[in-house]
Amino acid sequence: MTKNLNVVVGSDNVFLDLGFPEAQAQNLLLRADLVVHIRKVIDKLGITQAEAAQRTGITQPRMSDLIKGRTHKFTLDALVNVAAQLGYTVKLSLKKVACCCGIPQKKST
């Protein structure tokens, strides 16, 4: 017996797909991406959570939260600061969307 699967193509933002408002979904995705990159840096450096915490100026329990992906406990500013303390810069890019918040973009004449 074969069951039909209903496949839904998602966006590039899982948080948007989960129903978060656009602005919040973008913020959540940026924070999640930064946390993933910071975790990779810490792994690459081969340092412990305690050493990473000391280098970045945060407590070990807070570093543990970061390593465990508890992004809700960190602002973008805090994550950018952690990356900087580990010797990395964060670059942000803006991309114009066809439609913003249900308001069509103004056409140029």
Protein backbone atom coordinates (compact mmCIF):
# COMPACT_ATOMS: atom_id res chain seq x y z
CA MET A 1 0.00 0.00 0.00
CA THR A 2 1.40 3.38 -1.02
CA LYS A 3 0.54 6.57 0.82
CA ASN A 4 0.60 9.93 -0.87
CA LEU A 5 3.01 12.39 0.70
CA ASN A 6 2.16 16.05 0.86
CA VAL A 7 5.41 17.93 0.18
CA VAL A 8 5.58 21.62 0.97
CA VAL A 9 8.53 23.64 -0.29
CA GLY A 10 9.80 25.92 2.43
CA SER A 11 11.57 29.23 2.28
CA ASP A 12 15.23 29.81 3.10
CA ASN A 13 14.20 30.65 6.66
CA VAL A 14 12.90 27.85 8.86
CA PHE A 15 11.62 30.37 11.41
CA LEU A 16 9.45 32.04 8.77
CA ASP A 17 8.17 28.60 7.77
CA LEU A 18 7.27 27.98 11.43
CA GLY A 19 5.06 31.06 11.41
CA PHE A 20 7.21 33.71 13.06
CA PRO A 21 6.66 37.27 11.79
CA GLU A 22 9.13 38.30 9.07
CA ALA A 23 11.30 40.61 11.21
CA GLN A 24 11.52 38.16 14.10
CA ALA A 25 12.22 35.25 11.73
CA GLN A 26 15.14 37.15 10.18
CA ASN A 27 16.57 37.96 13.61
CA LEU A 28 16.23 34.36 14.79
CA LEU A 29 17.93 33.05 11.65
CA LEU A 30 20.84 35.49 11.98
CA ARG A 31 21.35 34.50 15.61
CA ALA A 32 21.17 30.79 14.81
CA ASP A 33 23.70 31.20 11.97
CA LEU A 34 26.08 33.13 14.21
CA VAL A 35 25.86 30.50 16.94
CA VAL A 36 26.68 27.74 14.44
CA HIS A 37 29.72 29.67 13.18
CA ILE A 38 30.92 30.47 16.70
CA ARG A 39 30.64 26.81 17.68
CA LYS A 40 32.71 25.85 14.62
CA VAL A 41 35.37 28.43 15.57
CA ILE A 42 35.58 27.05 19.11
CA ASP A 43 35.91 23.51 17.74
CA LYS A 44 38.57 24.66 15.26
CA LEU A 45 40.53 26.34 18.05
CA GLY A 46 40.32 23.14 20.09
CA ILE A 47 39.48 24.99 23.29
CA THR A 48 37.12 24.11 26.11
CA GLN A 49 33.95 25.99 26.98
CA ALA A 50 35.76 27.48 29.96
CA GLU A 51 38.63 28.69 27.78
CA ALA A 52 36.21 30.08 25.21
CA ALA A 53 34.30 31.87 27.95
CA GLN A 54 37.47 33.40 29.34
CA ARG A 55 38.59 34.59 25.87
CA THR A 56 35.21 36.14 25.12
CA GLY A 57 34.54 37.70 28.49
CA ILE A 58 31.40 35.76 29.31
CA THR A 59 30.74 33.20 32.03
CA GLN A 60 31.16 29.48 31.44
CA PRO A 61 27.44 28.79 32.00
CA ARG A 62 26.62 31.46 29.39
CA MET A 63 29.11 29.87 26.97
CA SER A 64 27.40 26.55 27.65
CA ASP A 65 24.09 28.12 26.62
CA LEU A 66 25.71 29.33 23.40
CA ILE A 67 27.26 25.93 22.63
CA LYS A 68 23.90 24.23 23.25
CA GLY A 69 22.22 26.57 20.76
CA ARG A 70 20.06 28.49 23.21
CA THR A 71 19.90 31.46 20.85
CA HIS A 72 16.99 33.05 22.69
CA LYS A 73 19.42 33.99 25.46
CA PHE A 74 21.63 36.08 23.16
CA THR A 75 21.16 39.27 21.20
CA LEU A 76 22.80 39.80 17.84
CA ASP A 77 25.08 42.35 19.53
CA ALA A 78 26.24 39.83 22.12
CA LEU A 79 26.98 37.20 19.46
CA VAL A 80 28.89 39.68 17.31
CA ASN A 81 30.96 40.58 20.39
CA VAL A 82 31.72 36.91 21.09
CA ALA A 83 32.84 36.40 17.48
CA ALA A 84 35.04 39.50 17.69
CA GLN A 85 36.67 38.30 20.91
CA LEU A 86 37.50 35.05 19.12
CA GLY A 87 39.21 37.03 16.34
CA TYR A 88 36.45 37.07 13.73
CA THR A 89 34.40 39.80 12.10
CA VAL A 90 30.75 39.49 11.18
CA LYS A 91 29.54 40.83 7.85
CA LEU A 92 25.91 41.50 7.07
CA SER A 93 24.33 41.92 3.67
CA LEU A 94 20.98 43.38 2.69
CA LYS A 95 18.89 42.05 -0.15
CA LYS A 96 15.87 43.83 -1.55
CA VAL A 97 12.72 41.74 -1.56
CA ALA A 98 10.01 41.99 -4.19
CA CYS A 99 7.37 42.77 -1.58
CA CYS A 100 7.74 43.90 2.00
CA CYS A 101 5.11 43.32 4.70
CA GLY A 102 2.30 42.99 2.18
CA ILE A 103 3.03 46.42 0.69
CA PRO A 104 4.01 46.28 -3.00
CA GLN A 105 7.23 48.07 -3.89
CA LYS A 106 6.87 51.43 -5.60
CA LYS A 107 7.51 51.18 -9.33
CA SER A 108 9.89 53.69 -10.80
CA THR A 109 8.61 55.69 -13.78
